[in-house]
Amino acid sequence: MDVARTFLALDPDEALRAGLAALGERLRAHFPYSAVRWTAPANYHFTLVFLGKVALADIPRIIREAFHIATSG
């Protein structure tokens, strides 16, 4: 069975992403350690829930259900 590490997340719009990137740059000045790995702004997201290893066959159902929940007030 093929699986993928899966999570549900929100993708910030470009304005929020730019603001977070600016904050990240300010933070870098205070944490100049080589052991710190900074995330590229293109990879920023807000994880809502980590689902773990999910069968690839189940992913379309998860997407449909998450979309239904998100769009049904």
PDB file of N, CA and C in Angstrom:
ATOM      1  N   MET A   1       0.850  -1.181   0.000  1.00  0.00           N
ATOM      2  CA  MET A   1       0.000   0.000   0.000  1.00  0.00           C
ATOM      3  C   MET A   1       0.895   1.243   0.000  1.00  0.00           C
ATOM      4  N   ASP A   2       0.669   2.126  -0.960  1.00  0.00           N
ATOM      5  CA  ASP A   2       1.403   3.384  -1.027  1.00  0.00           C
ATOM      6  C   ASP A   2       0.761   4.391  -0.090  1.00  0.00           C
ATOM      7  N   VAL A   3       1.597   5.095   0.671  1.00  0.00           N
ATOM      8  CA  VAL A   3       1.103   6.075   1.631  1.00  0.00           C
ATOM      9  C   VAL A   3       1.854   7.394   1.463  1.00  0.00           C
ATOM     10  N   ALA A   4       1.273   8.447   2.008  1.00  0.00           N
ATOM     11  CA  ALA A   4       1.908   9.767   2.031  1.00  0.00           C
ATOM     12  C   ALA A   4       1.681  10.381   3.406  1.00  0.00           C
ATOM     13  N   ARG A   5       2.705  11.080   3.900  1.00  0.00           N
ATOM     14  CA  ARG A   5       2.527  11.856   5.137  1.00  0.00           C
ATOM     15  C   ARG A   5       1.630  13.029   4.770  1.00  0.00           C
ATOM     16  N   THR A   6       0.506  13.129   5.455  1.00  0.00           N
ATOM     17  CA  THR A   6      -0.551  14.030   5.021  1.00  0.00           C
ATOM     18  C   THR A   6      -0.979  14.966   6.143  1.00  0.00           C
ATOM     19  N   PHE A   7      -1.355  16.183   5.753  1.00  0.00           N
ATOM     20  CA  PHE A   7      -1.869  17.161   6.708  1.00  0.00           C
ATOM     21  C   PHE A   7      -2.838  18.082   5.999  1.00  0.00           C
ATOM     22  N   LEU A   8      -3.707  18.712   6.774  1.00  0.00           N
ATOM     23  CA  LEU A   8      -4.588  19.749   6.252  1.00  0.00           C
ATOM     24  C   LEU A   8      -4.013  21.087   6.697  1.00  0.00           C
ATOM     25  N   ALA A   9      -3.914  22.016   5.750  1.00  0.00           N
ATOM     26  CA  ALA A   9      -3.270  23.293   6.061  1.00  0.00           C
ATOM     27  C   ALA A   9      -3.926  24.433   5.303  1.00  0.00           C
ATOM     28  N   LEU A  10      -3.684  25.638   5.793  1.00  0.00           N
ATOM     29  CA  LEU A  10      -4.096  26.862   5.116  1.00  0.00           C
ATOM     30  C   LEU A  10      -2.877  27.474   4.454  1.00  0.00           C
ATOM     31  N   ASP A  11      -3.073  27.948   3.241  1.00  0.00           N
ATOM     32  CA  ASP A  11      -2.006  28.579   2.469  1.00  0.00           C
ATOM     33  C   ASP A  11      -2.198  30.094   2.561  1.00  0.00           C
ATOM     34  N   PRO A  12      -1.237  30.835   3.142  1.00  0.00           N
ATOM     35  CA  PRO A  12      -1.426  32.290   3.273  1.00  0.00           C
ATOM     36  C   PRO A  12      -1.413  32.982   1.910  1.00  0.00           C
ATOM     37  N   ASP A  13      -2.166  34.085   1.803  1.00  0.00           N
ATOM     38  CA  ASP A  13      -2.116  34.850   0.553  1.00  0.00           C
ATOM     39  C   ASP A  13      -0.766  35.567   0.464  1.00  0.00           C
ATOM     40  N   GLU A  14      -0.509  36.173  -0.669  1.00  0.00           N
ATOM     41  CA  GLU A  14       0.815  36.772  -0.913  1.00  0.00           C
ATOM     42  C   GLU A  14       1.133  37.915   0.051  1.00  0.00           C
ATOM     43  N   ALA A  15       0.137  38.708   0.438  1.00  0.00           N
ATOM     44  CA  ALA A  15       0.383  39.817   1.367  1.00  0.00           C
ATOM     45  C   ALA A  15       0.810  39.275   2.728  1.00  0.00           C
ATOM     46  N   LEU A  16       0.105  38.268   3.227  1.00  0.00           N
ATOM     47  CA  LEU A  16       0.473  37.680   4.517  1.00  0.00           C
ATOM     48  C   LEU A  16       1.822  36.979   4.421  1.00  0.00           C
ATOM     49  N   ARG A  17       2.058  36.283   3.322  1.00  0.00           N
ATOM     50  CA  ARG A  17       3.334  35.598   3.123  1.00  0.00           C
ATOM     51  C   ARG A  17       4.494  36.599   3.142  1.00  0.00           C
ATOM     52  N   ALA A  18       4.304  37.753   2.500  1.00  0.00           N
ATOM     53  CA  ALA A  18       5.350  38.783   2.479  1.00  0.00           C
ATOM     54  C   ALA A  18       5.593  39.330   3.889  1.00  0.00           C
ATOM     55  N   GLY A  19       4.518  39.551   4.643  1.00  0.00           N
ATOM     56  CA  GLY A  19       4.668  40.032   6.011  1.00  0.00           C
ATOM     57  C   GLY A  19       5.390  39.016   6.889  1.00  0.00           C
ATOM     58  N   LEU A  20       5.050  37.755   6.724  1.00  0.00           N
ATOM     59  CA  LEU A  20       5.732  36.705   7.490  1.00  0.00           C
ATOM     60  C   LEU A  20       7.203  36.595   7.090  1.00  0.00           C
ATOM     61  N   ALA A  21       7.489  36.774   5.809  1.00  0.00           N
ATOM     62  CA  ALA A  21       8.877  36.727   5.343  1.00  0.00           C
ATOM     63  C   ALA A  21       9.683  37.868   5.959  1.00  0.00           C
ATOM     64  N   ALA A  22       9.080  39.059   6.046  1.00  0.00           N
ATOM     65  CA  ALA A  22       9.764  40.199   6.663  1.00  0.00           C
ATOM     66  C   ALA A  22      10.030  39.928   8.142  1.00  0.00           C
ATOM     67  N   LEU A  23       9.055  39.354   8.822  1.00  0.00           N
ATOM     68  CA  LEU A  23       9.244  38.989  10.220  1.00  0.00           C
ATOM     69  C   LEU A  23      10.366  37.955  10.345  1.00  0.00           C
ATOM     70  N   GLY A  24      10.384  36.979   9.452  1.00  0.00           N
ATOM     71  CA  GLY A  24      11.435  35.968   9.464  1.00  0.00           C
ATOM     72  C   GLY A  24      12.816  36.580   9.326  1.00  0.00           C
ATOM     73  N   GLU A  25      12.942  37.572   8.468  1.00  0.00           N
ATOM     74  CA  GLU A  25      14.239  38.237   8.292  1.00  0.00           C
ATOM     75  C   GLU A  25      14.670  38.948   9.576  1.00  0.00           C
ATOM     76  N   ARG A  26      13.729  39.592  10.256  1.00  0.00           N
ATOM     77  CA  ARG A  26      14.062  40.252  11.525  1.00  0.00           C
ATOM     78  C   ARG A  26      14.467  39.223  12.579  1.00  0.00           C
ATOM     79  N   LEU A  27      13.775  38.100  12.599  1.00  0.00           N
ATOM     80  CA  LEU A  27      14.111  37.048  13.565  1.00  0.00           C
ATOM     81  C   LEU A  27      15.494  36.454  13.298  1.00  0.00           C
ATOM     82  N   ARG A  28      15.841  36.305  12.040  1.00  0.00           N
ATOM     83  CA  ARG A  28      17.158  35.746  11.691  1.00  0.00           C
ATOM     84  C   ARG A  28      18.301  36.539  12.304  1.00  0.00           C
ATOM     85  N   ALA A  29      18.112  37.846  12.405  1.00  0.00           N
ATOM     86  CA  ALA A  29      19.161  38.695  12.975  1.00  0.00           C
ATOM     87  C   ALA A  29      19.402  38.358  14.451  1.00  0.00           C
ATOM     88  N   HIS A  30      18.387  37.811  15.103  1.00  0.00           N
ATOM     89  CA  HIS A  30      18.512  37.483  16.527  1.00  0.00           C
ATOM     90  C   HIS A  30      18.864  36.022  16.785  1.00  0.00           C
ATOM     91  N   PHE A  31      18.825  35.211  15.745  1.00  0.00           N
ATOM     92  CA  PHE A  31      19.137  33.780  15.868  1.00  0.00           C
ATOM     93  C   PHE A  31      20.116  33.363  14.777  1.00  0.00           C
ATOM     94  N   PRO A  32      21.343  33.866  14.851  1.00  0.00           N
ATOM     95  CA  PRO A  32      22.315  33.606  13.777  1.00  0.00           C
ATOM     96  C   PRO A  32      23.063  32.277  13.937  1.00  0.00           C
ATOM     97  N   TYR A  33      22.356  31.242  14.342  1.00  0.00           N
ATOM     98  CA  TYR A  33      23.009  29.968  14.617  1.00  0.00           C
ATOM     99  C   TYR A  33      22.949  29.066  13.397  1.00  0.00           C
ATOM    100  N   SER A  34      24.024  28.373  13.115  1.00  0.00           N
ATOM    101  CA  SER A  34      24.066  27.514  11.937  1.00  0.00           C
ATOM    102  C   SER A  34      23.121  26.319  12.075  1.00  0.00           C
ATOM    103  N   ALA A  35      22.770  25.943  13.294  1.00  0.00           N
ATOM    104  CA  ALA A  35      21.881  24.803  13.499  1.00  0.00           C
ATOM    105  C   ALA A  35      20.416  25.145  13.209  1.00  0.00           C
ATOM    106  N   VAL A  36      20.102  26.432  13.112  1.00  0.00           N
ATOM    107  CA  VAL A  36      18.728  26.844  12.842  1.00  0.00           C
ATOM    108  C   VAL A  36      18.479  26.757  11.341  1.00  0.00           C
ATOM    109  N   ARG A  37      17.420  26.053  10.960  1.00  0.00           N
ATOM    110  CA  ARG A  37      17.044  25.953   9.546  1.00  0.00           C
ATOM    111  C   ARG A  37      15.778  26.779   9.338  1.00  0.00           C
ATOM    112  N   TRP A  38      15.867  27.773   8.488  1.00  0.00           N
ATOM    113  CA  TRP A  38      14.742  28.655   8.239  1.00  0.00           C
ATOM    114  C   TRP A  38      13.929  28.137   7.050  1.00  0.00           C
ATOM    115  N   THR A  39      12.627  28.234   7.153  1.00  0.00           N
ATOM    116  CA  THR A  39      11.732  27.802   6.087  1.00  0.00           C
ATOM    117  C   THR A  39      11.629  28.900   5.040  1.00  0.00           C
ATOM    118  N   ALA A  40      11.704  28.507   3.786  1.00  0.00           N
ATOM    119  CA  ALA A  40      11.550  29.472   2.687  1.00  0.00           C
ATOM    120  C   ALA A  40      10.106  29.975   2.672  1.00  0.00           C
ATOM    121  N   PRO A  41       9.891  31.268   2.434  1.00  0.00           N
ATOM    122  CA  PRO A  41       8.529  31.811   2.426  1.00  0.00           C
ATOM    123  C   PRO A  41       7.581  31.070   1.480  1.00  0.00           C
ATOM    124  N   ALA A  42       8.072  30.542   0.394  1.00  0.00           N
ATOM    125  CA  ALA A  42       7.213  29.791  -0.529  1.00  0.00           C
ATOM    126  C   ALA A  42       6.625  28.550   0.133  1.00  0.00           C
ATOM    127  N   ASN A  43       7.247  28.078   1.208  1.00  0.00           N
ATOM    128  CA  ASN A  43       6.779  26.878   1.906  1.00  0.00           C
ATOM    129  C   ASN A  43       5.962  27.185   3.162  1.00  0.00           C
ATOM    130  N   TYR A  44       5.689  28.458   3.441  1.00  0.00           N
ATOM    131  CA  TYR A  44       4.905  28.810   4.622  1.00  0.00           C
ATOM    132  C   TYR A  44       3.480  28.276   4.476  1.00  0.00           C
ATOM    133  N   HIS A  45       2.947  27.737   5.550  1.00  0.00           N
ATOM    134  CA  HIS A  45       1.555  27.318   5.626  1.00  0.00           C
ATOM    135  C   HIS A  45       1.195  27.190   7.105  1.00  0.00           C
ATOM    136  N   PHE A  46      -0.079  27.095   7.366  1.00  0.00           N
ATOM    137  CA  PHE A  46      -0.570  26.923   8.732  1.00  0.00           C
ATOM    138  C   PHE A  46      -1.218  25.547   8.824  1.00  0.00           C
ATOM    139  N   THR A  47      -0.549  24.629   9.497  1.00  0.00           N
ATOM    140  CA  THR A  47      -1.073  23.273   9.628  1.00  0.00           C
ATOM    141  C   THR A  47      -2.233  23.264  10.616  1.00  0.00           C
ATOM    142  N   LEU A  48      -3.361  22.734  10.173  1.00  0.00           N
ATOM    143  CA  LEU A  48      -4.529  22.604  11.036  1.00  0.00           C
ATOM    144  C   LEU A  48      -4.525  21.261  11.749  1.00  0.00           C
ATOM    145  N   VAL A  49      -4.173  20.213  11.007  1.00  0.00           N
ATOM    146  CA  VAL A  49      -4.138  18.873  11.591  1.00  0.00           C
ATOM    147  C   VAL A  49      -3.164  18.013  10.785  1.00  0.00           C
ATOM    148  N   PHE A  50      -2.361  17.238  11.488  1.00  0.00           N
ATOM    149  CA  PHE A  50      -1.457  16.291  10.854  1.00  0.00           C
ATOM    150  C   PHE A  50      -2.141  14.937  10.874  1.00  0.00           C
ATOM    151  N   LEU A  51      -2.349  14.369   9.708  1.00  0.00           N
ATOM    152  CA  LEU A  51      -3.060  13.097   9.597  1.00  0.00           C
ATOM    153  C   LEU A  51      -2.127  11.893   9.628  1.00  0.00           C
ATOM    154  N   GLY A  52      -0.854  12.135   9.449  1.00  0.00           N
ATOM    155  CA  GLY A  52       0.101  11.030   9.458  1.00  0.00           C
ATOM    156  C   GLY A  52       0.146  10.324   8.111  1.00  0.00           C
ATOM    157  N   LYS A  53       0.498   9.052   8.150  1.00  0.00           N
ATOM    158  CA  LYS A  53       0.588   8.260   6.918  1.00  0.00           C
ATOM    159  C   LYS A  53      -0.814   7.861   6.478  1.00  0.00           C
ATOM    160  N   VAL A  54      -1.176   8.287   5.278  1.00  0.00           N
ATOM    161  CA  VAL A  54      -2.498   8.028   4.729  1.00  0.00           C
ATOM    162  C   VAL A  54      -2.329   7.292   3.401  1.00  0.00           C
ATOM    163  N   ALA A  55      -3.158   6.298   3.179  1.00  0.00           N
ATOM    164  CA  ALA A  55      -3.130   5.575   1.910  1.00  0.00           C
ATOM    165  C   ALA A  55      -3.442   6.548   0.776  1.00  0.00           C
ATOM    166  N   LEU A  56      -2.667   6.474  -0.304  1.00  0.00           N
ATOM    167  CA  LEU A  56      -2.888   7.373  -1.438  1.00  0.00           C
ATOM    168  C   LEU A  56      -4.317   7.263  -1.959  1.00  0.00           C
ATOM    169  N   ALA A  57      -4.881   6.086  -1.906  1.00  0.00           N
ATOM    170  CA  ALA A  57      -6.247   5.891  -2.384  1.00  0.00           C
ATOM    171  C   ALA A  57      -7.261   6.663  -1.549  1.00  0.00           C
ATOM    172  N   ASP A  58      -6.936   7.004  -0.309  1.00  0.00           N
ATOM    173  CA  ASP A  58      -7.862   7.723   0.574  1.00  0.00           C
ATOM    174  C   ASP A  58      -7.777   9.239   0.427  1.00  0.00           C
ATOM    175  N   ILE A  59      -6.750   9.729  -0.211  1.00  0.00           N
ATOM    176  CA  ILE A  59      -6.540  11.187  -0.280  1.00  0.00           C
ATOM    177  C   ILE A  59      -7.664  11.914  -1.021  1.00  0.00           C
ATOM    178  N   PRO A  60      -8.152  11.429  -2.166  1.00  0.00           N
ATOM    179  CA  PRO A  60      -9.269  12.153  -2.814  1.00  0.00           C
ATOM    180  C   PRO A  60     -10.501  12.281  -1.911  1.00  0.00           C
ATOM    181  N   ARG A  61     -10.811  11.243  -1.130  1.00  0.00           N
ATOM    182  CA  ARG A  61     -11.953  11.311  -0.213  1.00  0.00           C
ATOM    183  C   ARG A  61     -11.706  12.346   0.879  1.00  0.00           C
ATOM    184  N   ILE A  62     -10.492  12.390   1.402  1.00  0.00           N
ATOM    185  CA  ILE A  62     -10.157  13.369   2.441  1.00  0.00           C
ATOM    186  C   ILE A  62     -10.298  14.782   1.885  1.00  0.00           C
ATOM    187  N   ILE A  63      -9.815  14.997   0.666  1.00  0.00           N
ATOM    188  CA  ILE A  63      -9.932  16.330   0.036  1.00  0.00           C
ATOM    189  C   ILE A  63     -11.398  16.702  -0.133  1.00  0.00           C
ATOM    190  N   ARG A  64     -12.213  15.776  -0.645  1.00  0.00           N
ATOM    191  CA  ARG A  64     -13.646  16.061  -0.831  1.00  0.00           C
ATOM    192  C   ARG A  64     -14.319  16.406   0.486  1.00  0.00           C
ATOM    193  N   GLU A  65     -14.048  15.624   1.519  1.00  0.00           N
ATOM    194  CA  GLU A  65     -14.702  15.861   2.806  1.00  0.00           C
ATOM    195  C   GLU A  65     -14.229  17.164   3.444  1.00  0.00           C
ATOM    196  N   ALA A  66     -12.940  17.452   3.356  1.00  0.00           N
ATOM    197  CA  ALA A  66     -12.422  18.697   3.919  1.00  0.00           C
ATOM    198  C   ALA A  66     -13.022  19.898   3.178  1.00  0.00           C
ATOM    199  N   PHE A  67     -13.121  19.798   1.845  1.00  0.00           N
ATOM    200  CA  PHE A  67     -13.709  20.888   1.062  1.00  0.00           C
ATOM    201  C   PHE A  67     -15.172  21.067   1.435  1.00  0.00           C
ATOM    202  N   HIS A  68     -15.900  19.977   1.580  1.00  0.00           N
ATOM    203  CA  HIS A  68     -17.321  20.055   1.959  1.00  0.00           C
ATOM    204  C   HIS A  68     -17.477  20.736   3.323  1.00  0.00           C
ATOM    205  N   ILE A  69     -16.667  20.329   4.279  1.00  0.00           N
ATOM    206  CA  ILE A  69     -16.749  20.929   5.621  1.00  0.00           C
ATOM    207  C   ILE A  69     -16.393  22.406   5.574  1.00  0.00           C
ATOM    208  N   ALA A  70     -15.351  22.752   4.822  1.00  0.00           N
ATOM    209  CA  ALA A  70     -14.893  24.144   4.755  1.00  0.00           C
ATOM    210  C   ALA A  70     -15.897  25.056   4.071  1.00  0.00           C
ATOM    211  N   THR A  71     -16.709  24.508   3.163  1.00  0.00           N
ATOM    212  CA  THR A  71     -17.624  25.369   2.399  1.00  0.00           C
ATOM    213  C   THR A  71     -19.070  25.299   2.876  1.00  0.00           C
ATOM    214  N   SER A  72     -19.337  24.485   3.885  1.00  0.00           N
ATOM    215  CA  SER A  72     -20.708  24.415   4.404  1.00  0.00           C
ATOM    216  C   SER A  72     -20.752  25.109   5.768  1.00  0.00           C
ATOM    217  N   GLY A  73     -21.135  26.379   5.731  1.00  0.00           N
ATOM    218  CA  GLY A  73     -21.144  27.227   6.911  1.00  0.00           C
ATOM    219  C   GLY A  73     -21.803  26.601   8.062  1.00  0.00           C
TER     220      GLY A  73
END
